[in-house]
Amino acid sequence: MRLRTWGGYRWPVVLAIWLVGLLSGCINPTGIPAPGSGRGVTIVAAENFYGNLFQQLGGSHVSVTSLLNNPNADPHEFESSVQNAILVNNASIVIENGEGYDSWMDRLLAASPNPHRIVLIATALASHKLPDNPHVWYGIDNMQTIVQAMTDALKRVDPAHASVYEHNQTIVSRSLAAIQQTIAAMKAQYRGTPVGLTEDIYLYQTGPLGLRVLTPYPFMKAIAEGNDPPADTVVTANNQITQRKIKVLIYNEQTVTPITTNLQQEAMQQHIPVVGVTETMPPDKTYQAWMLGQLAALANALHSTT
């Protein structure tokens, strides 16, 4: 996770666009759609996996825009735009990950203060957060708690459809429970298997899976933050592959450096399976299908080593 220091535009530009939109009637200062607008509850999600779950909960009663939605791009390099500022200003509900992962969203919110807008911060809602690790969406138990907060927000903004949101929450919660059951079944079979990680994003699942992560934590953390890892940890991570101490390498496909590419190539040379994971949900997936697909790939890799 690299922390960005600016949102990709200057404050005077955001202010000018906001004022023009307000004067022309394009921006609703309350952030809540006017009756009969036909758009439903307007929601802006910083990341598309949160947006997808909001869509599942709200169905036809919501209009969701996700800003981070390209799994082929490094999410740490995202730059917000004036159009993003307008979307956030018009939203009834905004959800961000928080803890510096998407600090550009805080700047967008600050550019259009609105006491009526509901802002959800996933890292503040997470029920089982790992220390100094903002990737809470990889924890399925965290998502259960976050989905509850999403449902409560929808009911607050649109109480007329509260029963719809509650019904959809039941369906979503059951599907998340099914993912947890898959993880439990994999743990029973592969508990204690040594694996390597190129960064710390997947620690939220290696723990519940019972896998033994050998990669030095300072290595994973440095890669996640866009820094050069300590030299001794690079040596250790390389040796774990060349000496075949790990059975599988789990590789973040969106945070790629020469060091992680080298680890991937070494693993392939040693015939150690490499399982790719992403920080951003593929556009043709639901959150649940995304998580299950990666778990299936990991299960196949682990099975191939037994």
Protein backbone atom coordinates (compact mmCIF):
# COMPACT_ATOMS: atom_id res chain seq x y z
CA MET A 1 0.00 0.00 0.00
CA ARG A 2 1.57 3.26 -1.12
CA LEU A 3 0.27 6.42 0.46
CA ARG A 4 -0.49 9.18 -2.04
CA THR A 5 0.02 12.75 -0.94
CA TRP A 6 -2.38 14.40 -3.37
CA GLY A 7 -5.51 13.55 -5.31
CA GLY A 8 -4.32 14.34 -8.82
CA TYR A 9 -5.81 17.82 -9.05
CA ARG A 10 -5.69 21.16 -7.27
CA TRP A 11 -8.26 22.36 -4.77
CA PRO A 12 -9.19 25.53 -6.71
CA VAL A 13 -10.25 23.34 -9.64
CA VAL A 14 -12.50 21.22 -7.44
CA LEU A 15 -14.03 24.31 -5.85
CA ALA A 16 -14.66 25.92 -9.22
CA ILE A 17 -16.37 22.82 -10.61
CA TRP A 18 -18.48 22.49 -7.47
CA LEU A 19 -19.64 26.11 -7.68
CA VAL A 20 -20.43 25.87 -11.37
CA GLY A 21 -22.40 22.69 -10.80
CA LEU A 22 -24.27 24.18 -7.87
CA LEU A 23 -25.24 27.34 -9.73
CA SER A 24 -26.33 25.40 -12.80
CA GLY A 25 -28.41 22.98 -10.79
CA CYS A 26 -26.26 19.98 -11.72
CA ILE A 27 -25.20 19.33 -8.13
CA ASN A 28 -27.62 18.61 -5.33
CA PRO A 29 -26.08 20.05 -2.15
CA THR A 30 -27.87 17.51 0.05
CA GLY A 31 -26.43 14.55 -1.83
CA ILE A 32 -29.84 12.84 -1.66
CA PRO A 33 -31.72 12.27 -4.93
CA ALA A 34 -34.85 14.34 -5.37
CA PRO A 35 -38.18 12.43 -5.41
CA GLY A 36 -38.91 11.06 -8.84
CA SER A 37 -35.31 11.30 -10.01
CA GLY A 38 -35.46 7.61 -10.90
CA ARG A 39 -31.86 7.00 -9.91
CA GLY A 40 -32.52 5.50 -6.50
CA VAL A 41 -29.98 5.89 -3.73
CA THR A 42 -26.77 7.29 -5.23
CA ILE A 43 -23.67 5.52 -3.93
CA VAL A 44 -20.00 6.10 -4.65
CA ALA A 45 -17.54 3.37 -3.69
CA ALA A 46 -13.83 4.01 -3.68
CA GLU A 47 -13.23 0.34 -4.63
CA ASN A 48 -15.37 -1.82 -6.88
CA PHE A 49 -15.73 -4.76 -4.48
CA TYR A 50 -17.54 -2.49 -2.01
CA GLY A 51 -19.60 -1.10 -4.86
CA ASN A 52 -20.52 -4.60 -6.01
CA LEU A 53 -21.80 -5.57 -2.57
CA PHE A 54 -23.83 -2.36 -2.36
CA GLN A 55 -25.35 -3.25 -5.74
CA GLN A 56 -26.24 -6.72 -4.51
CA LEU A 57 -27.91 -5.23 -1.44
CA GLY A 58 -29.75 -2.43 -3.22
CA GLY A 59 -30.65 -3.95 -6.56
CA SER A 60 -32.77 -1.62 -8.68
CA HIS A 61 -33.15 0.83 -5.80
CA VAL A 62 -29.54 2.04 -5.97
CA SER A 63 -27.19 3.67 -8.44
CA VAL A 64 -23.60 2.68 -7.70
CA THR A 65 -20.39 4.13 -9.11
CA SER A 66 -17.05 2.52 -8.24
CA LEU A 67 -13.93 4.62 -8.79
CA LEU A 68 -11.21 1.96 -8.49
CA ASN A 69 -12.30 -0.70 -10.96
CA ASN A 70 -9.34 -1.77 -13.12
CA PRO A 71 -7.64 -5.01 -11.97
CA ASN A 72 -4.85 -4.46 -14.50
CA ALA A 73 -3.73 -1.19 -12.91
CA ASP A 74 -1.83 -0.56 -9.73
CA PRO A 75 -4.46 0.84 -7.31
CA HIS A 76 -1.76 2.76 -5.47
CA GLU A 77 -1.24 4.89 -8.57
CA PHE A 78 -4.89 6.01 -8.84
CA GLU A 79 -5.45 9.72 -9.45
CA SER A 80 -8.87 11.21 -8.82
CA SER A 81 -10.50 13.67 -11.19
CA VAL A 82 -12.94 16.55 -11.22
CA GLN A 83 -15.65 14.14 -12.38
CA ASN A 84 -14.96 12.01 -9.31
CA ALA A 85 -15.44 15.11 -7.17
CA ILE A 86 -18.85 15.74 -8.72
CA LEU A 87 -19.91 12.13 -8.19
CA VAL A 88 -18.90 12.22 -4.54
CA ASN A 89 -20.69 15.52 -4.01
CA ASN A 90 -23.93 14.07 -5.39
CA ALA A 91 -23.78 10.81 -3.44
CA SER A 92 -26.12 9.88 -0.62
CA ILE A 93 -23.66 7.25 0.59
CA VAL A 94 -19.90 7.00 0.14
CA ILE A 95 -17.77 4.04 1.15
CA GLU A 96 -13.99 4.05 1.30
CA ASN A 97 -11.49 1.56 2.61
CA GLY A 98 -9.65 4.00 4.86
CA GLU A 99 -6.37 3.85 6.77
CA GLY A 100 -4.50 5.62 3.98
CA TYR A 101 -5.30 3.07 1.28
CA ASP A 102 -7.52 5.55 -0.56
CA SER A 103 -6.66 8.89 1.04
CA TRP A 104 -7.67 10.62 -2.19
CA MET A 105 -11.28 9.90 -1.20
CA ASP A 106 -10.83 11.90 1.99
CA ARG A 107 -9.78 14.86 -0.15
CA LEU A 108 -12.84 14.48 -2.37
CA LEU A 109 -15.11 14.38 0.67
CA ALA A 110 -13.43 17.42 2.19
CA ALA A 111 -13.99 19.34 -1.06
CA SER A 112 -17.78 18.97 -0.71
CA PRO A 113 -18.79 18.91 2.97
CA ASN A 114 -22.30 17.53 3.45
CA PRO A 115 -23.79 16.64 6.85
CA HIS A 116 -26.51 14.54 5.21
CA ARG A 117 -24.13 12.25 3.35
CA ILE A 118 -23.34 8.90 4.99
CA VAL A 119 -19.66 7.94 4.85
CA LEU A 120 -18.63 4.37 5.65
CA ILE A 121 -14.99 3.57 6.37
CA ALA A 122 -14.36 -0.15 6.01
CA THR A 123 -11.24 -0.32 8.17
CA ALA A 124 -13.16 1.30 11.02
CA LEU A 125 -15.98 -1.23 10.64
CA ALA A 126 -13.83 -4.37 10.28
CA SER A 127 -14.42 -6.87 13.05
CA HIS A 128 -11.07 -8.70 12.77
CA LYS A 129 -8.48 -6.24 11.54
CA LEU A 130 -4.83 -7.23 11.32
CA PRO A 131 -2.31 -4.74 12.75
CA ASP A 132 -1.12 -2.16 10.24
CA ASN A 133 -2.85 -3.96 7.37
CA PRO A 134 -5.64 -2.06 5.57
CA HIS A 135 -6.66 -4.89 3.21
CA VAL A 136 -9.72 -5.74 5.31
CA TRP A 137 -11.85 -6.83 2.34
CA TYR A 138 -9.84 -10.05 2.15
CA GLY A 139 -11.23 -11.00 5.55
CA ILE A 140 -14.63 -12.59 4.94
CA ASP A 141 -15.65 -12.05 8.57
CA ASN A 142 -14.86 -8.36 8.08
CA MET A 143 -17.13 -8.24 5.05
CA GLN A 144 -20.01 -9.67 7.05
CA THR A 145 -19.74 -6.72 9.42
CA ILE A 146 -19.30 -4.22 6.59
CA VAL A 147 -22.35 -5.60 4.74
CA GLN A 148 -24.40 -5.05 7.88
CA ALA A 149 -23.28 -1.40 7.97
CA MET A 150 -24.10 -1.04 4.27
CA THR A 151 -27.61 -2.37 4.88
CA ASP A 152 -28.14 -0.03 7.81
CA ALA A 153 -27.05 2.92 5.66
CA LEU A 154 -29.48 1.98 2.89
CA LYS A 155 -32.33 1.64 5.36
CA ARG A 156 -31.52 5.05 6.83
CA VAL A 157 -31.47 6.81 3.45
CA ASP A 158 -34.38 4.86 1.95
CA PRO A 159 -36.58 3.42 4.74
CA ALA A 160 -39.40 2.70 2.26
CA HIS A 161 -37.41 -0.25 0.90
CA ALA A 162 -35.98 -1.45 4.21
CA SER A 163 -37.51 -4.91 3.85
CA VAL A 164 -35.87 -5.32 0.42
CA TYR A 165 -32.47 -4.42 1.82
CA GLU A 166 -32.88 -6.78 4.76
CA HIS A 167 -33.90 -9.62 2.45
CA ASN A 168 -30.92 -9.02 0.19
CA GLN A 169 -28.61 -8.84 3.18
CA THR A 170 -29.72 -12.31 4.23
CA ILE A 171 -28.82 -13.65 0.79
CA VAL A 172 -25.44 -11.88 0.72
CA SER A 173 -24.58 -12.99 4.25
CA ARG A 174 -25.33 -16.61 3.39
CA SER A 175 -23.06 -16.41 0.35
CA LEU A 176 -20.25 -14.98 2.50
CA ALA A 177 -20.80 -17.77 5.02
CA ALA A 178 -20.36 -20.25 2.16
CA ILE A 179 -16.93 -18.73 1.44
CA GLN A 180 -16.01 -19.14 5.10
CA GLN A 181 -17.07 -22.79 4.89
CA THR A 182 -14.82 -23.25 1.85
CA ILE A 183 -11.91 -21.77 3.80
CA ALA A 184 -12.62 -24.06 6.75
CA ALA A 185 -12.66 -27.11 4.46
CA MET A 186 -9.32 -26.08 2.91
CA LYS A 187 -7.84 -25.54 6.37
CA ALA A 188 -8.77 -29.07 7.38
CA GLN A 189 -6.84 -30.41 4.40
CA TYR A 190 -3.87 -28.05 4.07
CA ARG A 191 -3.25 -26.68 7.56
CA GLY A 192 0.43 -26.01 8.21
CA THR A 193 1.49 -25.97 4.55
CA PRO A 194 4.40 -23.52 4.09
CA VAL A 195 3.73 -20.77 1.55
CA GLY A 196 5.30 -17.50 0.41
CA LEU A 197 3.62 -14.14 -0.17
CA THR A 198 4.88 -11.21 -2.20
CA GLU A 199 3.00 -8.81 0.07
CA ASP A 200 0.73 -8.76 3.12
CA ILE A 201 -2.66 -8.47 1.41
CA TYR A 202 -3.35 -12.21 1.60
CA LEU A 203 -2.57 -12.56 5.30
CA TYR A 204 -6.30 -12.09 5.89
CA GLN A 205 -6.87 -15.50 4.31
CA THR A 206 -3.69 -17.43 5.02
CA GLY A 207 -4.52 -17.11 8.73
CA PRO A 208 -8.03 -18.62 8.52
CA LEU A 209 -6.67 -21.18 6.02
CA GLY A 210 -4.09 -22.29 8.56
CA LEU A 211 -1.23 -21.87 6.08
CA ARG A 212 2.28 -21.21 7.40
CA VAL A 213 3.67 -18.04 5.83
CA LEU A 214 7.47 -18.17 5.70
CA THR A 215 8.12 -14.87 3.92
CA PRO A 216 9.58 -12.29 6.33
CA TYR A 217 6.93 -9.77 7.33
CA PRO A 218 9.20 -6.74 6.70
CA PHE A 219 9.58 -7.95 3.10
CA MET A 220 5.83 -8.18 2.54
CA LYS A 221 5.14 -4.87 4.23
CA ALA A 222 7.79 -2.99 2.27
CA ILE A 223 6.47 -4.31 -1.06
CA ALA A 224 2.91 -3.38 -0.06
CA GLU A 225 4.01 0.18 0.72
CA GLY A 226 6.08 0.58 -2.43
CA ASN A 227 9.41 0.53 -0.63
CA ASP A 228 12.55 -1.51 -1.14
CA PRO A 229 12.52 -4.40 1.35
CA PRO A 230 15.52 -4.93 3.62
CA ALA A 231 18.29 -6.76 1.77
CA ASP A 232 18.40 -9.66 4.22
CA THR A 233 14.67 -10.31 3.75
CA VAL A 234 15.12 -10.43 -0.03
CA VAL A 235 17.83 -13.05 0.42
CA THR A 236 15.58 -15.04 2.75
CA ALA A 237 12.61 -14.90 0.38
CA ASN A 238 14.81 -16.03 -2.52
CA ASN A 239 16.33 -18.88 -0.50
CA GLN A 240 12.88 -20.10 0.51
CA ILE A 241 12.16 -20.63 -3.16
CA THR A 242 15.51 -21.93 -4.42
CA GLN A 243 15.70 -24.33 -1.47
CA ARG A 244 12.04 -25.30 -2.02
CA LYS A 245 11.03 -24.45 1.53
CA ILE A 246 7.65 -23.17 0.35
CA LYS A 247 5.03 -25.18 -1.50
CA VAL A 248 3.17 -22.28 -3.19
CA LEU A 249 3.97 -18.64 -3.94
CA ILE A 250 0.98 -16.28 -3.67
CA TYR A 251 1.68 -13.31 -5.92
CA ASN A 252 -0.07 -9.91 -5.94
CA GLU A 253 -0.54 -9.21 -9.65
CA GLN A 254 -1.18 -5.50 -9.11
CA THR A 255 1.88 -4.64 -7.05
CA VAL A 256 4.72 -5.76 -9.28
CA THR A 257 8.38 -4.84 -8.82
CA PRO A 258 11.61 -6.31 -10.21
CA ILE A 259 12.03 -8.10 -6.87
CA THR A 260 8.60 -9.74 -6.95
CA THR A 261 8.98 -10.60 -10.63
CA ASN A 262 12.25 -12.32 -9.82
CA LEU A 263 10.55 -14.36 -7.09
CA GLN A 264 7.83 -15.38 -9.51
CA GLN A 265 10.36 -16.47 -12.13
CA GLU A 266 12.42 -18.39 -9.58
CA ALA A 267 9.29 -20.19 -8.36
CA MET A 268 8.43 -21.22 -11.89
CA GLN A 269 11.97 -22.49 -12.45
CA GLN A 270 11.67 -24.56 -9.29
CA HIS A 271 8.23 -25.84 -10.38
CA ILE A 272 6.63 -24.20 -7.37
CA PRO A 273 3.01 -23.21 -8.20
CA VAL A 274 2.36 -19.47 -8.37
CA VAL A 275 -1.15 -18.27 -7.49
CA GLY A 276 -2.04 -14.76 -8.56
CA VAL A 277 -4.31 -12.54 -6.49
CA THR A 278 -5.49 -8.99 -7.15
CA GLU A 279 -6.42 -6.00 -5.03
CA THR A 280 -9.18 -4.87 -7.39
CA MET A 281 -12.10 -7.11 -8.34
CA PRO A 282 -12.26 -8.16 -12.01
CA PRO A 283 -15.13 -6.32 -13.73
CA ASP A 284 -16.95 -9.49 -14.77
CA LYS A 285 -17.09 -10.93 -11.25
CA THR A 286 -19.06 -10.50 -8.07
CA TYR A 287 -17.12 -10.15 -4.85
CA GLN A 288 -18.07 -13.71 -3.90
CA ALA A 289 -17.06 -15.19 -7.27
CA TRP A 290 -13.76 -13.31 -7.11
CA MET A 291 -12.87 -14.67 -3.68
CA LEU A 292 -14.02 -18.22 -4.50
CA GLY A 293 -12.11 -18.23 -7.79
CA GLN A 294 -8.86 -17.32 -6.08
CA LEU A 295 -9.47 -19.89 -3.36
CA ALA A 296 -10.10 -22.55 -6.03
CA ALA A 297 -6.82 -21.67 -7.74
CA LEU A 298 -5.01 -21.89 -4.42
CA ALA A 299 -6.65 -25.23 -3.59
CA ASN A 300 -5.53 -26.63 -6.95
CA ALA A 301 -1.99 -25.41 -6.34
CA LEU A 302 -1.86 -26.88 -2.83
CA HIS A 303 -3.30 -30.18 -4.06
CA SER A 304 -0.64 -30.40 -6.78
CA THR A 305 2.09 -30.33 -4.14
CA THR A 306 0.72 -33.20 -2.03
